[in-house]
Structures are given as structure tokens and as C-alpha cells.
């Protein structure tokens, strides 16, 4: 259960949304205490859970710092294929989203403050959701 939470995209979605809020808060002059305490809670909570998981399951450790995202599961050829299918869908999403994003920034930036930041956060959240739902769908089909 703990490993599923740590490897799930929900953690990264929460972090992305908070980074967007943190940036806008700094730019808008929100009280620093209002911004830093949630960051500390998220940071300490995540790495605390990671430490607990690594202690409890030494054979399935999750690295504290890695260049490969935790969500990628490539333990064998089957999981590599599933990861390929999911990342392919994410690539297709970005293929269309980036040009549309540029057009949206051009039109909405004068009217909506911090529109590029929120667009990047939305792209990140959508990327994780596409990947997650595709992985769940394929793994569910494999179980049947």
C-alpha cells in the first residue's frame, strides 16, 4: 500500500500544484509562512514515507534521488511494453498540447495573470493522469 502511494502520480500532482501556488504566492507577496509550512509538510512527509518504505522493504527500495521517475515500472519485458504504451500516449498529448498551449498563452496572457504557470501545471497534471489511467487500464486487462 505504501509503495503504491509513493509510486503513484498523485504525489507528483500534489507537488506540481503546490509549486504553482508557491510561485504565484511569492510573486503576489503572500505571507512566506503561509507558503513555506505546507512545503515543509509535503517534503518531510514524502521523504519520511520513503524512508519508512525502504526500511520495511529493503528488497524493493525506492531511491531518494533518481533521474528515472518513480512511476516507471520496467522490471521485465512485459512492464517495459506497458510503460512504452503509456508514455506513447503522453507523447501524443504533448504533440498537440504544446502548439495549442502557445496559442492560448498568446491570447490569454494579457487577461489571466500567471496563465503560463497554470498552463504548465495543467500540462503536468494531465500528463500524470494520462500515464496513470493508461497503466491502470493495461494492467487491468493483463489481469483478466
C-alpha atoms as a PDB file:
ATOM      1  CA  UNK A   1       0.000   0.000   0.000  1.00  0.00           C
ATOM      2  CA  UNK A   2       2.749   2.429   0.944  1.00  0.00           C
ATOM      3  CA  UNK A   3       4.661   1.642  -2.241  1.00  0.00           C
ATOM      4  CA  UNK A   4       1.538   2.256  -4.331  1.00  0.00           C
ATOM      5  CA  UNK A   5       1.162   5.693  -2.739  1.00  0.00           C
ATOM      6  CA  UNK A   6       4.825   6.591  -3.240  1.00  0.00           C
ATOM      7  CA  UNK A   7       4.877   5.387  -6.844  1.00  0.00           C
ATOM      8  CA  UNK A   8       1.515   6.862  -7.757  1.00  0.00           C
ATOM      9  CA  UNK A   9       1.326  10.064  -9.771  1.00  0.00           C
ATOM     10  CA  UNK A  10      -0.879  11.624  -7.080  1.00  0.00           C
ATOM     11  CA  UNK A  11       2.228  12.605  -5.124  1.00  0.00           C
ATOM     12  CA  UNK A  12       3.722  14.401  -8.120  1.00  0.00           C
ATOM     13  CA  UNK A  13       0.384  16.004  -8.992  1.00  0.00           C
ATOM     14  CA  UNK A  14       0.155  17.456  -5.474  1.00  0.00           C
ATOM     15  CA  UNK A  15       3.753  18.688  -5.714  1.00  0.00           C
ATOM     16  CA  UNK A  16       3.152  20.299  -9.128  1.00  0.00           C
ATOM     17  CA  UNK A  17       0.018  22.086  -7.964  1.00  0.00           C
ATOM     18  CA  UNK A  18       1.787  23.280  -4.832  1.00  0.00           C
ATOM     19  CA  UNK A  19       4.769  24.558  -6.856  1.00  0.00           C
ATOM     20  CA  UNK A  20       2.355  26.599  -8.974  1.00  0.00           C
ATOM     21  CA  UNK A  21       0.715  28.007  -5.833  1.00  0.00           C
ATOM     22  CA  UNK A  22       4.157  28.658  -4.309  1.00  0.00           C
ATOM     23  CA  UNK A  23       5.325  30.618  -7.373  1.00  0.00           C
ATOM     24  CA  UNK A  24       2.169  32.705  -7.596  1.00  0.00           C
ATOM     25  CA  UNK A  25       2.282  33.309  -3.831  1.00  0.00           C
ATOM     26  CA  UNK A  26       5.861  34.573  -3.995  1.00  0.00           C
ATOM     27  CA  UNK A  27       5.023  36.861  -6.918  1.00  0.00           C
ATOM     28  CA  UNK A  28       1.891  38.187  -5.227  1.00  0.00           C
ATOM     29  CA  UNK A  29       3.606  38.761  -1.878  1.00  0.00           C
ATOM     30  CA  UNK A  30       1.600  36.265   0.152  1.00  0.00           C
ATOM     31  CA  UNK A  31       2.932  35.724   3.680  1.00  0.00           C
ATOM     32  CA  UNK A  32       6.000  33.492   3.500  1.00  0.00           C
ATOM     33  CA  UNK A  33       4.809  31.393   6.467  1.00  0.00           C
ATOM     34  CA  UNK A  34       1.655  30.556   4.524  1.00  0.00           C
ATOM     35  CA  UNK A  35       3.837  29.205   1.705  1.00  0.00           C
ATOM     36  CA  UNK A  36       6.735  27.510   3.488  1.00  0.00           C
ATOM     37  CA  UNK A  37       4.878  25.400   6.081  1.00  0.00           C
ATOM     38  CA  UNK A  38       2.924  23.330   3.518  1.00  0.00           C
ATOM     39  CA  UNK A  39       6.178  22.851   1.589  1.00  0.00           C
ATOM     40  CA  UNK A  40       7.911  21.508   4.688  1.00  0.00           C
ATOM     41  CA  UNK A  41       4.952  19.225   5.465  1.00  0.00           C
ATOM     42  CA  UNK A  42       4.863  17.827   1.905  1.00  0.00           C
ATOM     43  CA  UNK A  43       8.658  17.447   1.715  1.00  0.00           C
ATOM     44  CA  UNK A  44       9.140  15.854   5.137  1.00  0.00           C
ATOM     45  CA  UNK A  45       6.014  13.705   4.744  1.00  0.00           C
ATOM     46  CA  UNK A  46       7.073  12.334   1.363  1.00  0.00           C
ATOM     47  CA  UNK A  47      10.651  11.577   2.328  1.00  0.00           C
ATOM     48  CA  UNK A  48       9.508  10.209   5.691  1.00  0.00           C
ATOM     49  CA  UNK A  49       7.200   7.744   3.937  1.00  0.00           C
ATOM     50  CA  UNK A  50      10.009   6.904   1.523  1.00  0.00           C
ATOM     51  CA  UNK A  51      12.356   6.175   4.443  1.00  0.00           C
ATOM     52  CA  UNK A  52       9.721   4.015   6.174  1.00  0.00           C
ATOM     53  CA  UNK A  53       9.092   2.063   2.956  1.00  0.00           C
ATOM     54  CA  UNK A  54      12.803   1.462   2.352  1.00  0.00           C
ATOM     55  CA  UNK A  55      13.255   0.251   5.940  1.00  0.00           C
ATOM     56  CA  UNK A  56      10.224  -2.043   5.744  1.00  0.00           C
ATOM     57  CA  UNK A  57      11.002  -3.445   2.270  1.00  0.00           C
ATOM     58  CA  UNK A  58      14.791  -3.439   1.742  1.00  0.00           C
ATOM     59  CA  UNK A  59      14.459  -5.625  -1.363  1.00  0.00           C
ATOM     60  CA  UNK A  60      12.132  -3.081  -3.076  1.00  0.00           C
ATOM     61  CA  UNK A  61      13.857   0.177  -2.185  1.00  0.00           C
ATOM     62  CA  UNK A  62      12.875   3.405  -3.870  1.00  0.00           C
ATOM     63  CA  UNK A  63      15.832   5.728  -4.412  1.00  0.00           C
ATOM     64  CA  UNK A  64      15.703   9.114  -2.696  1.00  0.00           C
ATOM     65  CA  UNK A  65      17.192  10.819  -5.742  1.00  0.00           C
ATOM     66  CA  UNK A  66      16.856   9.335  -9.199  1.00  0.00           C
ATOM     67  CA  UNK A  67      16.869  10.554 -12.777  1.00  0.00           C
ATOM     68  CA  UNK A  68      14.203   7.995 -13.666  1.00  0.00           C
ATOM     69  CA  UNK A  69      10.719   8.812 -12.370  1.00  0.00           C
ATOM     70  CA  UNK A  70       9.415   6.505  -9.654  1.00  0.00           C
ATOM     71  CA  UNK A  71       6.282   5.760 -11.651  1.00  0.00           C
ATOM     72  CA  UNK A  72       8.185   3.924 -14.388  1.00  0.00           C
ATOM     73  CA  UNK A  73       7.996   0.213 -13.753  1.00  0.00           C
ATOM     74  CA  UNK A  74      10.380  -1.622 -16.061  1.00  0.00           C
ATOM     75  CA  UNK A  75      11.189  -4.759 -14.096  1.00  0.00           C
ATOM     76  CA  UNK A  76      10.668  -7.097 -17.066  1.00  0.00           C
ATOM     77  CA  UNK A  77       9.787  -7.001 -20.771  1.00  0.00           C
ATOM     78  CA  UNK A  78       6.053  -7.001 -20.078  1.00  0.00           C
ATOM     79  CA  UNK A  79       6.249  -3.926 -17.840  1.00  0.00           C
ATOM     80  CA  UNK A  80       8.567  -2.246 -20.355  1.00  0.00           C
ATOM     81  CA  UNK A  81       5.902  -2.743 -23.031  1.00  0.00           C
ATOM     82  CA  UNK A  82       3.170  -1.375 -20.758  1.00  0.00           C
ATOM     83  CA  UNK A  83       5.348   1.632 -19.901  1.00  0.00           C
ATOM     84  CA  UNK A  84       6.000   2.177 -23.614  1.00  0.00           C
ATOM     85  CA  UNK A  85       2.281   2.212 -24.393  1.00  0.00           C
ATOM     86  CA  UNK A  86       1.533   4.673 -21.581  1.00  0.00           C
ATOM     87  CA  UNK A  87       4.410   7.029 -22.383  1.00  0.00           C
ATOM     88  CA  UNK A  88       3.428   6.952 -26.050  1.00  0.00           C
ATOM     89  CA  UNK A  89       0.011   8.354 -25.137  1.00  0.00           C
ATOM     90  CA  UNK A  90       1.673  11.077 -23.064  1.00  0.00           C
ATOM     91  CA  UNK A  91       3.903  11.975 -26.025  1.00  0.00           C
ATOM     92  CA  UNK A  92       0.860  12.227 -28.296  1.00  0.00           C
ATOM     93  CA  UNK A  93      -0.778  14.511 -25.723  1.00  0.00           C
ATOM     94  CA  UNK A  94       2.249  16.840 -25.727  1.00  0.00           C
ATOM     95  CA  UNK A  95       2.425  16.744 -29.524  1.00  0.00           C
ATOM     96  CA  UNK A  96      -0.918  18.535 -29.625  1.00  0.00           C
ATOM     97  CA  UNK A  97      -0.874  20.369 -26.295  1.00  0.00           C
ATOM     98  CA  UNK A  98       2.319  22.380 -26.797  1.00  0.00           C
ATOM     99  CA  UNK A  99       1.227  24.181 -30.011  1.00  0.00           C
ATOM    100  CA  UNK A 100      -2.229  24.830 -28.559  1.00  0.00           C
ATOM    101  CA  UNK A 101      -0.594  25.985 -25.334  1.00  0.00           C
ATOM    102  CA  UNK A 102       1.497  28.531 -27.218  1.00  0.00           C
ATOM    103  CA  UNK A 103      -1.638  29.879 -28.910  1.00  0.00           C
ATOM    104  CA  UNK A 104      -3.505  30.003 -25.583  1.00  0.00           C
ATOM    105  CA  UNK A 105      -0.642  31.849 -23.881  1.00  0.00           C
ATOM    106  CA  UNK A 106      -0.580  34.363 -26.732  1.00  0.00           C
ATOM    107  CA  UNK A 107      -4.287  35.122 -26.360  1.00  0.00           C
ATOM    108  CA  UNK A 108      -4.915  34.727 -22.613  1.00  0.00           C
ATOM    109  CA  UNK A 109      -1.718  36.061 -21.021  1.00  0.00           C
ATOM    110  CA  UNK A 110      -2.920  39.692 -21.125  1.00  0.00           C
ATOM    111  CA  UNK A 111      -6.211  38.767 -19.392  1.00  0.00           C
ATOM    112  CA  UNK A 112      -5.295  35.980 -16.949  1.00  0.00           C
ATOM    113  CA  UNK A 113      -2.368  36.612 -14.612  1.00  0.00           C
ATOM    114  CA  UNK A 114       0.154  33.760 -14.383  1.00  0.00           C
ATOM    115  CA  UNK A 115      -1.564  31.898 -17.206  1.00  0.00           C
ATOM    116  CA  UNK A 116       1.686  30.227 -18.387  1.00  0.00           C
ATOM    117  CA  UNK A 117       2.346  28.867 -14.884  1.00  0.00           C
ATOM    118  CA  UNK A 118      -1.151  27.415 -14.578  1.00  0.00           C
ATOM    119  CA  UNK A 119      -0.915  26.013 -18.106  1.00  0.00           C
ATOM    120  CA  UNK A 120       2.353  24.241 -17.239  1.00  0.00           C
ATOM    121  CA  UNK A 121       0.809  22.880 -14.042  1.00  0.00           C
ATOM    122  CA  UNK A 122      -2.214  21.683 -16.029  1.00  0.00           C
ATOM    123  CA  UNK A 123       0.054  20.019 -18.615  1.00  0.00           C
ATOM    124  CA  UNK A 124       1.926  18.225 -15.833  1.00  0.00           C
ATOM    125  CA  UNK A 125      -1.243  17.078 -14.084  1.00  0.00           C
ATOM    126  CA  UNK A 126      -2.778  15.874 -17.353  1.00  0.00           C
ATOM    127  CA  UNK A 127       0.447  14.052 -18.229  1.00  0.00           C
ATOM    128  CA  UNK A 128       0.405  12.155 -14.942  1.00  0.00           C
ATOM    129  CA  UNK A 129      -3.300  11.372 -15.258  1.00  0.00           C
ATOM    130  CA  UNK A 130      -2.929  10.044 -18.817  1.00  0.00           C
ATOM    131  CA  UNK A 131       0.005   7.881 -17.786  1.00  0.00           C
ATOM    132  CA  UNK A 132      -1.719   6.629 -14.646  1.00  0.00           C
ATOM    133  CA  UNK A 133      -5.051   5.782 -16.295  1.00  0.00           C
ATOM    134  CA  UNK A 134      -3.303   4.074 -19.208  1.00  0.00           C
ATOM    135  CA  UNK A 135      -1.158   1.981 -16.846  1.00  0.00           C
ATOM    136  CA  UNK A 136      -4.208   1.002 -14.795  1.00  0.00           C
ATOM    137  CA  UNK A 137      -6.167   0.113 -17.925  1.00  0.00           C
ATOM    138  CA  UNK A 138      -3.423  -2.047 -19.401  1.00  0.00           C
ATOM    139  CA  UNK A 139      -2.555  -3.749 -16.112  1.00  0.00           C
ATOM    140  CA  UNK A 140      -6.254  -4.469 -15.518  1.00  0.00           C
ATOM    141  CA  UNK A 141      -6.522  -6.055 -18.985  1.00  0.00           C
ATOM    142  CA  UNK A 142      -3.442  -8.164 -18.225  1.00  0.00           C
ATOM    143  CA  UNK A 143      -5.026  -9.499 -15.008  1.00  0.00           C
ATOM    144  CA  UNK A 144      -8.143 -10.739 -16.838  1.00  0.00           C
END
